[in-house]
Protein backbone atom coordinates (compact mmCIF):
# COMPACT_ATOMS: atom_id res chain seq x y z
CA MET A 1 0.00 0.00 0.00
CA THR A 2 1.28 3.49 -0.82
CA ARG A 3 2.33 5.30 2.34
CA PRO A 4 -0.04 8.27 2.86
CA LEU A 5 2.44 10.46 4.72
CA LEU A 6 4.86 13.06 3.41
CA VAL A 7 7.44 14.62 5.71
CA LEU A 8 8.31 18.10 4.49
CA GLY A 9 11.83 19.44 4.67
CA ALA A 10 13.76 22.42 5.88
CA LEU A 11 12.68 24.71 3.04
CA LEU A 12 9.03 24.68 4.12
CA LEU A 13 10.14 25.19 7.72
CA LEU A 14 11.84 28.40 6.67
CA VAL A 15 8.70 29.53 4.88
CA LEU A 16 6.66 28.91 8.01
CA ALA A 17 9.09 30.85 10.14
CA ALA A 18 8.75 33.81 7.81
CA CYS A 19 5.01 33.69 7.14
CA ALA A 20 3.15 32.01 9.98
CA THR A 21 1.94 35.00 11.94
CA GLY A 22 -1.62 33.89 12.72
CA PRO A 23 -4.84 35.84 12.28
CA SER A 24 -4.62 39.56 12.79
CA LEU A 25 -6.41 41.19 15.69
CA GLU A 26 -8.91 42.59 13.21
CA ARG A 27 -9.88 39.05 12.16
CA ARG A 28 -10.13 37.58 15.64
CA GLY A 29 -13.89 38.17 15.65
CA ASP A 30 -14.28 35.73 12.74
CA VAL A 31 -12.59 32.72 14.30
CA THR A 32 -15.75 31.35 15.90
CA GLY A 33 -17.39 30.93 12.49
CA PRO A 34 -18.47 27.59 11.03
CA PRO A 35 -15.80 24.88 11.29
CA GLY A 36 -13.96 24.01 8.09
CA ASP A 37 -13.36 20.60 6.58
CA SER A 38 -10.35 20.80 4.28
CA ARG A 39 -9.55 17.44 2.71
CA ASP A 40 -5.81 18.21 2.65
CA LEU A 41 -4.39 18.46 6.15
CA THR A 42 -0.92 19.15 7.51
CA ILE A 43 -0.13 17.59 10.86
CA GLY A 44 2.59 19.26 12.90
CA SER A 45 5.16 17.48 15.03
CA ALA A 46 7.41 19.14 17.60
CA GLY A 47 10.29 16.98 16.40
CA PHE A 48 10.87 14.66 19.37
CA THR A 49 9.99 10.96 19.46
CA GLU A 50 6.65 11.16 21.25
CA SER A 51 5.39 14.05 19.15
CA ASP A 52 6.51 12.27 15.98
CA LEU A 53 4.59 9.14 17.02
CA LEU A 54 1.42 11.09 17.81
CA ALA A 55 1.63 13.01 14.54
CA GLN A 56 2.02 9.74 12.62
CA MET A 57 -1.01 8.24 14.37
CA TYR A 58 -3.08 11.37 13.70
CA ALA A 59 -2.11 11.28 10.03
CA LEU A 60 -2.95 7.59 9.67
CA LEU A 61 -6.33 7.96 11.36
CA LEU A 62 -7.21 10.98 9.25
CA HIS A 63 -6.07 9.24 6.08
CA ARG A 64 -8.34 6.31 6.85
CA ALA A 65 -11.21 8.79 7.34
CA GLY A 66 -10.69 10.10 3.81
CA TYR A 67 -8.28 13.00 4.32
CA ARG A 68 -5.01 13.54 2.45
CA THR A 69 -2.29 14.08 5.02
CA LYS A 70 1.30 15.22 5.31
CA ILE A 71 3.53 15.75 8.34
CA LEU A 72 5.66 18.78 9.06
CA SER A 73 8.28 18.70 11.82
CA VAL A 74 8.69 22.08 13.53
CA THR A 75 10.71 21.91 16.72
CA ASN A 76 9.88 25.37 18.03
CA ARG A 77 6.44 26.17 19.51
CA GLU A 78 7.10 29.84 18.78
CA ILE A 79 6.98 28.86 15.09
CA TYR A 80 4.40 26.09 14.91
CA GLU A 81 1.72 27.72 17.06
CA PRO A 82 1.38 30.80 14.80
CA ALA A 83 1.45 28.41 11.81
CA LEU A 84 -1.42 26.54 13.41
CA GLU A 85 -3.36 29.77 13.84
CA SER A 86 -2.80 30.78 10.23
CA GLY A 87 -3.76 27.38 8.80
CA GLN A 88 -0.33 26.43 7.46
CA ILE A 89 -0.50 23.62 10.00
CA ASP A 90 -3.92 22.12 10.67
CA VAL A 91 -3.45 19.68 13.56
CA VAL A 92 -0.87 19.40 16.35
CA PRO A 93 -0.58 17.03 19.33
CA GLU A 94 -0.20 19.16 22.45
CA TYR A 95 -0.04 18.88 26.24
CA ALA A 96 -2.98 20.51 27.99
CA ALA A 97 -1.38 22.33 30.92
CA THR A 98 1.84 23.24 29.13
CA PHE A 99 -0.01 24.64 26.12
CA ALA A 100 -2.43 26.52 28.37
CA ASP A 101 0.48 28.17 30.17
CA TRP A 102 2.24 28.95 26.88
CA LEU A 103 -0.83 30.62 25.38
CA ASN A 104 -1.50 32.41 28.64
CA ALA A 105 1.98 33.92 28.63
CA LYS A 106 1.56 34.90 24.98
CA VAL A 107 -1.78 36.58 25.60
CA ASN A 108 -1.36 37.97 29.12
CA GLY A 109 2.40 38.26 29.54
CA PRO A 110 5.06 36.09 31.21
CA ASP A 111 4.06 37.16 34.72
CA ALA A 112 0.40 36.14 34.37
CA PRO A 113 -0.88 33.61 36.94
CA PRO A 114 -0.60 30.04 35.58
CA ALA A 115 -3.50 28.76 33.47
CA GLY A 116 -2.57 25.08 33.77
CA SER A 117 -3.13 23.17 36.99
CA PRO A 118 -3.24 19.59 38.28
CA ASP A 119 -7.03 19.66 37.74
CA LEU A 120 -7.76 18.48 34.19
CA ALA A 121 -11.22 20.03 33.92
CA ARG A 122 -10.00 23.42 35.11
CA THR A 123 -6.98 23.23 32.81
CA MET A 124 -9.13 22.37 29.78
CA THR A 125 -11.51 25.24 30.52
CA ALA A 126 -8.62 27.70 30.73
CA LEU A 127 -6.96 26.27 27.61
CA ARG A 128 -10.12 26.51 25.50
CA ARG A 129 -10.80 30.03 26.72
CA LEU A 130 -7.33 31.03 25.48
CA ALA A 131 -7.37 28.99 22.26
CA THR A 132 -10.83 29.77 20.86
CA PRO A 133 -10.24 33.48 20.13
CA ARG A 134 -7.14 32.46 18.19
CA GLY A 135 -9.12 30.22 15.85
CA LEU A 136 -8.07 27.00 17.54
CA ASP A 137 -10.25 24.13 18.73
CA VAL A 138 -8.90 21.93 21.52
CA LEU A 139 -10.33 18.43 21.23
CA ASP A 140 -11.05 16.22 24.22
CA PRO A 141 -8.07 14.67 26.04
CA GLY A 142 -7.61 10.94 26.12
CA ARG A 143 -6.13 8.74 28.83
CA ALA A 144 -2.44 9.35 28.08
CA VAL A 145 -0.58 11.95 30.11
CA ASP A 146 3.06 13.02 29.86
CA GLN A 147 3.80 14.74 33.15
CA ASN A 148 6.95 15.43 35.08
CA ALA A 149 7.66 12.46 37.31
CA PHE A 150 10.25 11.34 39.84
CA ALA A 151 12.07 8.00 39.84
CA VAL A 152 14.31 6.18 42.30
CA SER A 153 16.29 2.98 41.96
CA ARG A 154 14.28 -0.21 42.29
CA SER A 155 16.55 -1.39 45.13
CA TYR A 156 16.17 1.92 47.00
CA ALA A 157 12.39 1.73 46.69
CA ALA A 158 12.34 -1.85 47.94
CA GLU A 159 14.70 -1.15 50.85
CA HIS A 160 12.63 1.77 52.12
CA ARG A 161 9.21 0.51 51.03
CA LEU A 162 8.55 3.42 48.72
CA LYS A 163 5.70 3.51 46.23
CA THR A 164 4.63 7.15 46.37
CA LEU A 165 6.21 10.53 46.91
CA SER A 166 4.29 10.68 50.20
CA ASP A 167 6.13 7.53 51.29
CA LEU A 168 9.44 9.25 50.58
CA GLY A 169 8.39 12.34 52.53
CA ARG A 170 7.36 10.28 55.54
CA SER A 171 10.66 8.41 55.48
CA GLN A 172 12.60 11.65 56.17
CA LEU A 173 15.44 10.27 54.06
CA PRO A 174 17.89 12.89 52.73
CA VAL A 175 17.50 13.09 48.96
CA ARG A 176 19.91 14.43 46.38
CA LEU A 177 17.87 15.08 43.23
CA ALA A 178 19.18 14.84 39.66
CA ALA A 179 17.27 17.42 37.60
CA GLY A 180 17.63 20.59 35.54
CA ASP A 181 18.99 23.86 36.87
CA GLU A 182 15.50 25.35 37.03
CA CYS A 183 14.37 22.70 39.54
CA VAL A 184 15.48 24.85 42.47
CA SER A 185 12.83 27.47 41.68
CA ARG A 186 10.03 25.66 39.80
CA PRO A 187 6.97 24.93 41.98
CA TYR A 188 6.60 21.39 40.59
CA CYS A 189 10.18 20.50 41.52
CA GLU A 190 12.28 21.18 44.65
CA PRO A 191 9.93 23.76 46.27
CA GLY A 192 6.87 21.58 45.62
CA LEU A 193 8.53 18.38 46.79
CA LYS A 194 9.41 20.12 50.05
CA LYS A 195 6.11 21.93 50.57
CA VAL A 196 3.61 19.32 49.36
CA TYR A 197 5.40 16.11 50.34
CA GLY A 198 7.88 17.19 53.02
CA ILE A 199 10.76 15.54 51.15
CA ASP A 200 14.21 16.48 52.46
CA ILE A 201 15.92 17.67 49.26
CA THR A 202 19.52 18.27 50.29
CA ALA A 203 20.78 19.31 46.84
CA VAL A 204 19.83 19.49 43.18
CA ASP A 205 22.40 17.84 40.92
CA PRO A 206 22.10 19.77 37.61
CA LYS A 207 22.26 16.88 35.17
CA GLY A 208 19.10 17.69 33.19
CA VAL A 209 15.59 16.26 32.99
CA GLY A 210 15.61 12.53 32.32
CA THR A 211 19.06 12.55 30.73
CA THR A 212 21.24 9.45 30.64
CA GLN A 213 23.68 11.13 33.03
CA ALA A 214 20.90 11.95 35.49
CA LYS A 215 19.56 8.40 35.49
CA GLN A 216 23.04 6.93 35.80
CA ALA A 217 23.63 9.11 38.87
CA VAL A 218 20.62 7.49 40.57
CA GLN A 219 21.54 4.05 39.31
CA ASN A 220 25.02 4.25 40.89
CA GLY A 221 23.81 5.87 44.12
CA GLN A 222 25.38 9.29 43.59
CA ASP A 223 21.84 10.74 43.68
CA GLN A 224 18.69 9.25 45.18
CA MET A 225 16.03 10.54 42.77
CA VAL A 226 15.74 11.84 39.22
CA LEU A 227 13.27 14.17 37.53
CA THR A 228 11.95 12.54 34.36
CA THR A 229 8.53 12.05 32.73
CA THR A 230 5.68 9.55 32.99
CA THR A 231 6.38 8.26 29.46
CA ASP A 232 10.12 7.74 29.93
CA ALA A 233 10.82 4.54 28.03
CA THR A 234 14.26 3.77 29.49
CA LEU A 235 13.66 3.51 33.25
CA ASP A 236 13.98 -0.29 33.24
CA ASP A 237 17.35 0.00 31.52
CA PHE A 238 18.67 1.86 34.56
CA GLY A 239 16.80 -0.17 37.20
CA LEU A 240 14.56 2.77 38.09
CA VAL A 241 10.90 2.99 39.10
CA LEU A 242 8.53 5.95 39.31
CA LEU A 243 7.09 7.11 42.62
CA ALA A 244 3.40 8.00 42.29
CA ASP A 245 2.48 11.68 42.53
CA ASP A 246 -0.31 10.82 44.95
CA LYS A 247 -0.99 14.43 46.01
CA HIS A 248 -1.07 15.70 42.40
CA LEU A 249 1.79 18.14 42.45
CA GLN A 250 2.22 17.96 38.67
CA ASN A 251 0.02 19.74 36.16
CA ALA A 252 -2.52 17.93 33.99
CA ASP A 253 -0.42 17.48 30.87
CA TYR A 254 -2.85 15.16 29.12
CA ILE A 255 -2.34 14.81 25.40
CA VAL A 256 -4.85 16.80 23.37
CA PRO A 257 -5.17 17.37 19.62
CA VAL A 258 -5.35 21.07 18.75
CA VAL A 259 -6.78 21.99 15.34
CA ASN A 260 -7.22 25.06 13.19
CA ARG A 261 -10.99 25.51 13.34
CA ALA A 262 -11.39 27.11 9.92
CA ARG A 263 -9.67 24.17 8.19
CA ALA A 264 -9.99 21.17 10.49
CA GLY A 265 -12.80 21.91 12.92
CA SER A 266 -15.25 19.45 11.36
CA ALA A 267 -16.97 16.52 13.02
CA GLY A 268 -15.06 14.21 10.66
CA VAL A 269 -11.67 15.33 11.96
CA THR A 270 -12.85 15.22 15.56
CA ARG A 271 -14.29 11.73 15.13
CA ALA A 272 -11.12 10.39 13.49
CA LEU A 273 -8.76 11.77 16.13
CA SER A 274 -11.01 10.92 19.07
CA ALA A 275 -10.73 7.22 18.21
CA LEU A 276 -7.24 7.29 19.71
CA ASN A 277 -8.62 8.48 23.06
CA THR A 278 -10.35 5.17 23.66
CA VAL A 279 -7.15 3.11 23.53
CA LEU A 280 -3.94 5.11 24.06
CA THR A 281 -2.70 5.03 27.66
CA THR A 282 0.36 6.51 29.34
CA ALA A 283 1.91 3.04 29.52
CA ASP A 284 1.21 2.48 25.82
CA LEU A 285 2.92 5.74 24.94
CA ALA A 286 5.99 4.87 27.02
CA ASN A 287 6.16 1.52 25.23
CA LEU A 288 5.89 3.16 21.81
CA ASN A 289 8.63 5.63 22.74
CA GLU A 290 10.83 2.71 23.74
CA ARG A 291 10.35 1.00 20.38
CA VAL A 292 11.64 4.10 18.62
CA ASP A 293 14.34 5.24 21.06
CA SER A 294 15.71 1.89 22.20
CA TRP A 295 14.75 -0.52 19.42
CA ARG A 296 15.51 2.00 16.64
CA ARG A 297 12.20 1.46 14.89
CA LEU A 298 10.75 4.12 12.58
CA PRO A 299 7.95 6.19 14.17
CA GLN A 300 5.61 5.61 11.20
CA ASP A 301 6.04 1.83 11.47
CA VAL A 302 5.53 1.80 15.23
CA ALA A 303 2.45 4.03 14.91
CA SER A 304 0.92 1.87 12.18
CA GLU A 305 1.50 -1.37 14.07
CA TYR A 306 -0.05 0.07 17.23
CA LEU A 307 -3.19 1.30 15.48
CA ARG A 308 -3.62 -2.05 13.75
CA SER A 309 -3.20 -3.89 17.04
CA LYS A 310 -6.03 -1.78 18.50
CA GLY A 311 -8.33 -2.29 15.52
CA LEU A 312 -8.14 1.35 14.43
CA LEU A 313 -6.59 0.45 11.08
CA PRO A 314 -7.35 -2.61 8.93
CA GLY A 315 -5.00 -5.53 9.52
């Protein structure tokens, strides 16, 4: 079967950077008009494994529903979000709380109170309130969530009987945390771990978020915990396990499709993309990431196999 996807190159990326400015303020009153149903749709990817996989699945589902699809990789939200507003990109996989905060800063300034929160319903309300005037429809979230998460070594968890971050707080164990530089000031990181869970963070080891070096530091006992994500596919390789965020410190970064309403706001697009919500879980997404990152499989092949296994594409 002819592959329905076309990945565009650097030339088109440069065009987007120059031209994707979004609707003017004068046109913002028109963006709540009737939803469009273009049969040729461009799906945007943010250029990392998980976003590539989601974009491939979106494209395959839309192709099966009768749309012609192509994929454009744009690694910078400052470029792809205006392109989404202007209709040069029609569909993008996003993260609810992160995108809400990004739009909020764009609309209300960097010092505006956060729009995203650990509460999914509140986050979605805030996100849609920000997105709708910009001509964007935010579709319903599914079950998969890619949040910040904290992992310890499997042996450390077993020794101290740790399953949750609350368990670690109650233990009063001193914890050296491998994370990014910004962890010392971000509310979801060191300050939140201390305030919400009472965890004794003695130092932040600036090795990055979920990097190999950070996970190795926990594996060899140099650090006790690492900041990573809920869809990290390599934790088993380092003998690490996640501790549950049982008091919901992290924001509701559920995966949501965001579409340009004037071109892709139709019931057909919504129906095609919503099919993924019924099957894709956080664990599934971590497994798919692993197949690409560790097994060196192509994202389009992994995406196609997954959708077929779930009955969303013909076998």
